[in-house]
Protein backbone atom coordinates (compact mmCIF):
# COMPACT_ATOMS: atom_id res chain seq x y z
CA MET A 1 126.01 -111.34 -90.68
CA VAL A 2 128.94 -111.04 -92.85
CA LEU A 3 126.75 -112.24 -96.28
CA ASN A 4 124.74 -109.23 -95.23
CA LEU A 5 127.19 -106.49 -94.23
CA VAL A 6 129.43 -107.57 -97.75
CA LYS A 7 125.36 -106.49 -99.48
CA MET A 8 125.92 -103.87 -97.22
CA ILE A 9 129.26 -102.64 -98.57
CA THR A 10 128.87 -103.10 -102.13
CA MET A 11 125.06 -100.93 -101.72
CA ALA A 12 127.07 -98.65 -100.50
CA ASN A 13 129.36 -98.45 -103.22
CA LEU A 14 126.64 -98.43 -105.49
CA LEU A 15 124.93 -95.84 -104.18
CA ASN A 16 128.53 -93.96 -103.58
CA MET A 17 128.80 -94.45 -107.83
CA PHE A 18 125.35 -92.91 -108.61
CA ILE A 19 126.70 -90.23 -106.40
CA LEU A 20 129.14 -89.37 -108.82
CA MET A 21 127.17 -89.91 -111.46
CA GLU A 22 124.93 -87.39 -110.64
CA VAL A 23 127.47 -85.17 -109.20
CA VAL A 24 129.54 -85.37 -112.62
CA ALA A 25 125.95 -85.00 -114.40
CA GLY A 26 125.40 -81.73 -112.59
CA GLY A 27 128.47 -79.70 -113.23
CA PHE A 28 131.91 -81.18 -112.55
CA ARG A 29 132.25 -81.02 -115.61
CA PHE A 30 135.43 -78.93 -117.29
CA GLY A 31 135.59 -76.40 -120.26
CA VAL A 32 131.65 -75.96 -119.42
CA ASP A 33 130.59 -71.46 -118.62
CA GLY A 34 128.33 -70.46 -116.20
CA LEU A 35 128.39 -69.71 -113.30
CA ARG A 36 127.89 -72.56 -110.45
CA MET A 37 127.99 -73.47 -106.39
CA ASP A 38 130.87 -75.93 -107.12
CA TYR A 39 132.34 -74.14 -109.87
CA TYR A 40 136.18 -74.46 -107.17
CA ILE A 41 135.55 -77.46 -106.04
CA MET A 42 137.51 -79.80 -108.02
CA SER A 43 140.57 -76.57 -108.89
CA CYS A 44 140.73 -75.34 -106.37
CA PRO A 45 138.54 -76.83 -102.72
CA PHE A 46 140.06 -74.84 -100.77
CA ALA A 47 139.09 -71.79 -102.50
CA GLU A 48 136.38 -70.93 -99.81
CA SER A 49 137.57 -71.31 -96.58
CA ILE A 50 140.65 -69.17 -97.89
CA VAL A 51 138.34 -65.99 -98.56
CA LYS A 52 136.39 -66.48 -95.38
CA ASN A 53 139.29 -66.66 -93.18
CA THR A 54 140.64 -63.74 -94.50
CA VAL A 55 137.76 -61.86 -94.65
CA ASN A 56 137.51 -62.71 -90.64
CA ARG A 57 140.53 -61.73 -89.32
CA ALA A 58 139.96 -58.58 -91.22
CA LEU A 59 137.37 -57.77 -89.75
CA GLN A 60 138.24 -58.93 -85.98
CA ASP A 61 140.50 -56.40 -86.43
CA ASP A 62 138.68 -54.05 -88.18
CA PRO A 63 134.24 -54.52 -87.74
CA THR A 64 134.22 -51.49 -90.28
CA LEU A 65 135.09 -53.18 -92.91
CA ALA A 66 132.39 -55.62 -93.23
CA ALA A 67 130.67 -52.27 -94.79
CA ALA A 68 133.22 -51.50 -97.13
CA LEU A 69 133.30 -54.92 -98.31
CA VAL A 70 129.38 -55.22 -99.00
CA ARG A 71 129.56 -51.22 -100.83
CA MET A 72 132.50 -52.99 -102.46
CA HIS A 73 130.79 -55.51 -104.19
CA PHE A 74 127.08 -53.51 -104.83
CA HIS A 75 129.38 -50.72 -106.77
CA ASP A 76 131.61 -53.28 -108.39
CA CYS A 77 128.67 -55.25 -110.20
CA PHE A 78 126.57 -51.48 -110.29
CA VAL A 79 129.26 -50.60 -113.27
CA GLU A 80 130.22 -53.22 -115.73
CA GLY A 81 128.43 -56.31 -114.34
CA CYS A 82 130.12 -58.29 -111.18
CA ASP A 83 133.92 -58.58 -112.73
CA GLY A 84 135.84 -57.38 -110.69
CA SER A 85 136.40 -53.85 -112.02
CA ILE A 86 135.76 -51.74 -108.87
CA LEU A 87 139.51 -53.18 -107.73
CA ILE A 88 141.90 -52.44 -111.01
CA ASP A 89 143.69 -49.74 -110.48
CA SER A 90 144.36 -46.48 -112.44
CA THR A 91 146.64 -45.71 -115.61
CA LYS A 92 148.92 -42.71 -116.78
CA ASP A 93 146.24 -44.02 -119.84
CA ASN A 94 143.20 -44.57 -118.25
CA THR A 95 141.45 -42.96 -115.34
CA ALA A 96 139.28 -46.35 -113.48
CA GLU A 97 136.31 -46.70 -111.59
CA LYS A 98 137.55 -46.45 -108.47
CA ASP A 99 138.89 -42.94 -108.93
CA SER A 100 135.51 -41.63 -109.43
CA PRO A 101 133.42 -39.10 -106.84
CA GLY A 102 131.23 -41.86 -105.85
CA ASN A 103 133.88 -45.12 -105.15
CA LEU A 104 136.96 -42.67 -103.25
CA SER A 105 135.24 -44.17 -100.39
CA LEU A 106 135.93 -47.77 -100.79
CA ARG A 107 137.73 -49.38 -98.70
CA GLY A 108 138.80 -52.84 -97.76
CA TYR A 109 141.04 -53.28 -101.21
CA GLU A 110 144.24 -55.08 -99.24
CA VAL A 111 141.30 -57.81 -97.74
CA ILE A 112 141.02 -58.54 -101.68
CA ASP A 113 144.30 -58.60 -102.59
CA ASP A 114 145.47 -60.56 -99.50
CA ALA A 115 142.85 -63.31 -100.57
CA LYS A 116 143.65 -63.09 -104.19
CA GLU A 117 147.37 -63.46 -103.06
CA GLN A 118 147.19 -66.76 -100.84
CA LEU A 119 144.74 -68.05 -103.84
CA GLU A 120 147.35 -67.39 -106.18
CA ASP A 121 149.56 -69.55 -103.53
CA GLN A 122 146.82 -72.08 -103.49
CA CYS A 123 145.93 -73.01 -106.83
CA PRO A 124 147.55 -69.69 -109.64
CA GLY A 125 144.86 -68.49 -112.51
CA ILE A 126 142.05 -69.91 -110.97
CA VAL A 127 139.67 -68.14 -109.22
CA SER A 128 138.59 -64.73 -110.75
CA CYS A 129 138.93 -61.37 -108.05
CA ALA A 130 135.47 -60.36 -109.15
CA ASP A 131 134.67 -63.94 -107.44
CA ILE A 132 136.63 -63.18 -104.65
CA VAL A 133 134.65 -60.01 -104.53
CA ALA A 134 131.11 -62.00 -103.87
CA MET A 135 132.52 -64.35 -101.85
CA ALA A 136 134.11 -60.84 -99.38
CA ALA A 137 131.06 -59.68 -99.13
CA ARG A 138 128.37 -62.90 -98.40
CA ASP A 139 130.81 -63.51 -95.73
CA ALA A 140 131.17 -60.21 -94.21
CA ILE A 141 127.81 -60.77 -94.01
CA PHE A 142 127.91 -63.64 -92.03
CA TRP A 143 130.53 -62.53 -90.00
CA SER A 144 127.60 -59.56 -88.91
CA GLU A 145 125.21 -62.27 -87.80
CA GLY A 146 123.56 -61.19 -91.55
CA PRO A 147 121.82 -64.29 -93.25
CA VAL A 148 123.36 -67.15 -94.66
CA TYR A 149 123.15 -68.29 -98.31
CA ASP A 150 125.88 -69.30 -100.46
CA ILE A 151 126.18 -67.57 -104.40
CA PRO A 152 127.41 -69.63 -107.77
CA LYS A 153 131.27 -68.42 -108.86
CA GLY A 154 132.75 -69.01 -111.76
CA ARG A 155 132.93 -64.62 -112.75
CA LYS A 156 134.76 -64.02 -114.57
CA ASP A 157 137.14 -59.95 -114.46
CA GLY A 158 136.73 -57.16 -117.07
CA ARG A 159 138.87 -56.39 -118.85
CA ARG A 160 137.61 -52.48 -118.65
CA SER A 161 137.74 -50.23 -115.77
CA LYS A 162 136.76 -46.31 -116.43
CA ILE A 163 135.43 -43.59 -114.37
CA GLU A 164 132.63 -41.99 -116.73
CA ASP A 165 131.23 -45.64 -116.34
CA THR A 166 130.79 -45.02 -112.56
CA ILE A 167 127.65 -42.99 -113.81
CA ASN A 168 125.57 -45.68 -113.13
CA LEU A 169 125.53 -45.72 -109.63
CA PRO A 170 122.65 -44.76 -107.50
CA PHE A 171 122.93 -41.35 -105.90
CA PRO A 172 122.33 -40.43 -102.60
CA THR A 173 120.03 -37.70 -103.47
CA PHE A 174 117.97 -39.83 -105.92
CA ASN A 175 114.18 -40.44 -104.80
CA THR A 176 112.02 -43.34 -104.96
CA SER A 177 111.30 -43.19 -109.02
CA GLU A 178 115.87 -42.38 -109.88
CA LEU A 179 116.20 -45.44 -107.77
CA ILE A 180 113.61 -47.59 -109.08
CA SER A 181 114.57 -46.76 -112.57
CA ALA A 182 117.96 -47.29 -111.83
CA PHE A 183 117.57 -50.79 -110.06
CA GLY A 184 115.22 -51.84 -112.70
CA LYS A 185 117.87 -50.91 -115.81
CA ARG A 186 119.63 -53.60 -113.76
CA GLY A 187 117.05 -56.47 -114.00
CA PHE A 188 115.37 -55.02 -110.42
CA SER A 189 112.20 -54.96 -108.69
CA ALA A 190 111.43 -52.22 -106.16
CA GLN A 191 110.98 -55.02 -103.77
CA GLU A 192 114.25 -56.33 -104.38
CA MET A 193 115.51 -53.05 -104.47
CA VAL A 194 114.16 -51.94 -101.39
CA ALA A 195 115.45 -55.05 -99.65
CA LEU A 196 119.33 -54.79 -101.42
CA SER A 197 119.21 -51.09 -99.39
CA GLY A 198 119.26 -52.54 -96.19
CA ALA A 199 122.44 -53.31 -96.11
CA HIS A 200 122.72 -49.79 -94.69
CA THR A 201 122.28 -51.30 -91.45
CA LEU A 202 126.17 -51.73 -91.82
CA GLY A 203 128.53 -49.06 -92.04
CA VAL A 204 128.57 -45.09 -91.97
CA ALA A 205 127.85 -42.15 -94.27
CA ARG A 206 129.88 -38.66 -94.75
CA CYS A 207 128.34 -35.89 -94.42
CA SER A 208 129.30 -34.93 -97.55
CA SER A 209 126.29 -37.25 -98.81
CA PHE A 210 123.59 -35.37 -96.08
CA LYS A 211 124.57 -32.12 -95.27
CA ASN A 212 122.23 -31.20 -98.10
CA ARG A 213 119.30 -32.42 -96.20
CA LEU A 214 120.01 -29.59 -93.37
CA SER A 215 120.16 -26.69 -95.13
CA ASN A 216 116.84 -27.54 -96.95
CA ALA A 217 114.32 -28.22 -93.91
CA ASP A 218 113.95 -31.60 -94.78
CA ALA A 219 109.94 -32.00 -93.49
CA ASN A 220 110.83 -35.61 -93.50
CA LEU A 221 114.19 -35.65 -91.15
CA ASP A 222 113.50 -35.87 -87.61
CA SER A 223 113.95 -32.33 -85.58
CA ASN A 224 115.95 -34.40 -82.75
CA PHE A 225 117.83 -36.44 -85.59
CA ALA A 226 118.58 -33.19 -87.86
CA LYS A 227 120.53 -31.49 -85.04
CA THR A 228 122.46 -34.45 -84.47
CA LEU A 229 123.52 -35.31 -88.65
CA SER A 230 124.30 -30.92 -87.44
CA LYS A 231 126.69 -31.84 -84.99
CA THR A 232 128.38 -34.85 -87.06
CA CYS A 233 128.85 -31.93 -90.16
CA SER A 234 130.44 -30.01 -87.68
CA ALA A 235 133.83 -31.63 -88.20
CA GLY A 236 133.49 -31.34 -91.58
CA ASP A 237 132.67 -33.21 -95.12
CA ASN A 238 134.40 -36.69 -94.41
CA ALA A 239 132.70 -36.60 -91.00
CA GLU A 240 130.65 -40.16 -90.44
CA GLN A 241 127.13 -40.69 -89.33
CA PRO A 242 126.13 -44.48 -88.61
CA PHE A 243 123.28 -45.33 -90.72
CA ASP A 244 121.59 -46.97 -87.09
CA ALA A 245 122.59 -47.84 -83.63
CA THR A 246 124.18 -51.06 -84.89
CA GLN A 247 126.19 -50.19 -87.56
CA ASN A 248 128.72 -53.29 -87.23
CA THR A 249 125.67 -56.10 -87.17
CA PHE A 250 123.42 -56.61 -90.01
CA ASP A 251 119.85 -56.67 -89.05
CA ASN A 252 116.71 -54.29 -89.21
CA PHE A 253 116.73 -51.65 -87.51
CA HIS A 254 117.62 -49.26 -90.17
CA PHE A 255 114.37 -49.87 -91.48
CA ASN A 256 112.57 -48.34 -87.42
CA ALA A 257 114.70 -46.03 -88.51
CA LEU A 258 113.16 -44.68 -91.74
CA ILE A 259 109.96 -44.88 -89.35
CA ARG A 260 111.38 -42.45 -86.74
CA LYS A 261 112.30 -40.17 -89.88
CA SER A 262 115.79 -40.97 -89.05
CA GLY A 263 116.96 -42.12 -92.65
CA VAL A 264 120.60 -40.81 -92.73
CA LEU A 265 120.63 -40.65 -96.52
CA PHE A 266 117.12 -39.10 -98.79
CA SER A 267 117.42 -42.27 -100.83
CA ASP A 268 116.95 -44.26 -97.81
CA GLN A 269 114.60 -41.51 -96.01
CA VAL A 270 111.99 -41.47 -99.79
CA LEU A 271 111.05 -45.58 -99.38
CA TYR A 272 109.26 -44.81 -96.56
CA THR A 273 107.28 -41.16 -97.95
CA THR A 274 106.60 -42.73 -100.96
CA PRO A 275 103.59 -45.22 -101.19
CA ARG A 276 104.91 -47.53 -103.51
CA THR A 277 107.83 -48.84 -100.67
CA ARG A 278 106.80 -47.68 -96.96
CA ASN A 279 104.92 -51.00 -96.69
CA ILE A 280 108.12 -53.08 -97.72
CA VAL A 281 110.12 -51.23 -95.35
CA ASN A 282 106.89 -51.70 -92.70
CA GLY A 283 106.95 -55.10 -93.16
CA TYR A 284 110.76 -55.29 -93.18
CA ALA A 285 111.25 -53.00 -89.74
CA MET A 286 108.60 -55.47 -88.26
CA ASN A 287 110.42 -58.72 -89.56
CA GLN A 288 113.61 -59.39 -90.08
CA ALA A 289 113.43 -63.05 -91.12
CA MET A 290 111.47 -61.61 -94.24
CA PHE A 291 114.02 -59.24 -94.39
CA PHE A 292 116.55 -61.80 -94.23
CA PHE A 293 115.48 -64.01 -96.38
CA ASP A 294 114.94 -61.47 -99.27
CA PHE A 295 117.89 -59.75 -98.99
CA GLN A 296 119.66 -63.12 -99.54
CA GLN A 297 117.16 -64.08 -102.28
CA ALA A 298 118.03 -60.59 -103.82
CA MET A 299 122.32 -60.31 -103.41
CA VAL A 300 122.51 -63.93 -104.66
CA LYS A 301 120.22 -61.83 -108.09
CA MET A 302 123.23 -59.31 -107.86
CA GLY A 303 125.88 -61.35 -108.23
CA LYS A 304 124.95 -62.36 -111.55
CA VAL A 305 124.00 -58.81 -113.14
CA ASP A 306 126.60 -58.85 -115.94
CA VAL A 307 128.84 -61.18 -115.39
CA LYS A 308 132.44 -62.09 -117.48
CA GLU A 309 132.28 -65.63 -118.19
CA GLY A 310 134.95 -67.69 -121.42
CA SER A 311 136.67 -65.50 -123.32
CA ASN A 312 134.59 -62.30 -122.74
CA GLY A 313 137.01 -62.20 -119.05
CA GLU A 314 139.77 -63.23 -117.40
CA VAL A 315 141.21 -64.34 -114.13
CA ARG A 316 143.50 -61.64 -113.32
CA GLN A 317 147.06 -62.57 -111.56
CA ASN A 318 147.01 -59.27 -109.54
CA CYS A 319 143.16 -57.73 -108.56
CA ARG A 320 144.50 -54.79 -109.54
CA LYS A 321 145.92 -54.83 -113.02
CA ILE A 322 144.02 -56.14 -116.11
CA ASN A 323 146.82 -58.57 -117.47
């Protein structure tokens, strides 16, 4: 029996050694560029838990920040790539992305700052702001009862943030062809674009982004819902209208709203009125699991858009300014 125990221990040690060899061969090497799921496992092993705990605390205090963090990630990736450029403050010599009209309503910067401060205490100069934004969006989706997914890490922070670059952001007045074109330039299919639009299951839209639908008698807008929107806008351009009935829960209600002609934004409603994307909307409205799967796949893909690696970027000490 003792001999068998020795054999078992020996086999276990050999197995552990082979596993370690596989892990080293699979990406724990240093000095190798590229995104990896295990990017911080050796250099900052508590990075993910620090970000997740920070996000969870913030969302417990203000659940509406979930939508804000997801939107921040999208607005970051769609301009200069997923490089944290949305976080950079303007200076007297440069007006940054965050001060463009399309970004003025972005929120949640303090959540990223909080996580960054903790990470700099634990492992200075290791975790990029771009990775924090991507992880925060993922954790906000999970906190809101959305799909569970992991993302590769290793993005570097960009050194450019200019207001003129935000022209690449899709506008709430875009029709389906314009949306397909804008997303196509970033490598996304029409189906992936519709899946990503499902992020509007969280949050609100300001009246300024949809009030034009009220004055132009939009035939694709339910008459009763139009009255609801008009009432919202009576409080001014900054008045907010939830995208659907469960604004802090990640689900497929947004797509059901489109079928009822109750999409808040024109750019959302056209996804149902256009034959090319209508069946995708119908599919997601009927099958939440399918929406969740396609959404998480598209989010992982979005997180890889034009990432900076190696010497093409840096790890900012302060997310609001270049080193």
